[in-house]
Amino acid sequence: HDQSDGLRGMDVTTFPTAAEFLAVVGPTLSRHEAEHHLVLGVAEALAASTSPNGDLLATAVTDPDGLVAAAVMSGNRPVLRESLADAAPLLCEVVEQAGRTPSHAIGGVGQVEAFATEWGRRTHRAPRVAMRQRVYKLTTVDPLPATSGALRVATMEDVDLVADWVAAF
């Protein structure tokens, strides 16, 4: 781990592997998995990959109370950012010192704007919103209505029916 003192009692830690990053940020972010699924999912995929994490930039910002922010980036792809408090200057500093030029910053509304504004200030480029997305969380599952018939293995006679279903989907 590469750790340094940050602003206002915050520490910045960069991790050489996604597995080490997940060991630190995973427990906190998993408490609200729906909101943090993108960072968790990308980090989990990188941790499970047989490819080396050589182009990985995985960073956690902590304060005495715990995790403040987390960011993961591979190559110059978008920065995926999760924040529990404003650590935008520290995260921008890490990205800048690593020589990265992210194409986008992705994060929750109310979280990513500070990073985009700070990055725009440093690069002299005005940030803009490219896409607004929402997080959907399944909280209940309605029971399926009873149907007639039984499950069976599909055969070649079912190809046209399945093709119709795929097209309709």
Foldseek 3Di string as FASTA:
>chain_A
DDWDADPPQKIKDWDQALVVLCVACVVVCVVVCLQQVVSVVVSVVRRPDPDGQRQKTWMFMAGPVGTAKIWIDGAQEEIEIDGPHDPLVVVLVSCVVVVHHHPYYDHDVVHCVSNQPVNCVVVVHHDDDPDDDDGDDDDDDDDDDDDDDDDDDDDPVCVVVVVVVVVVD
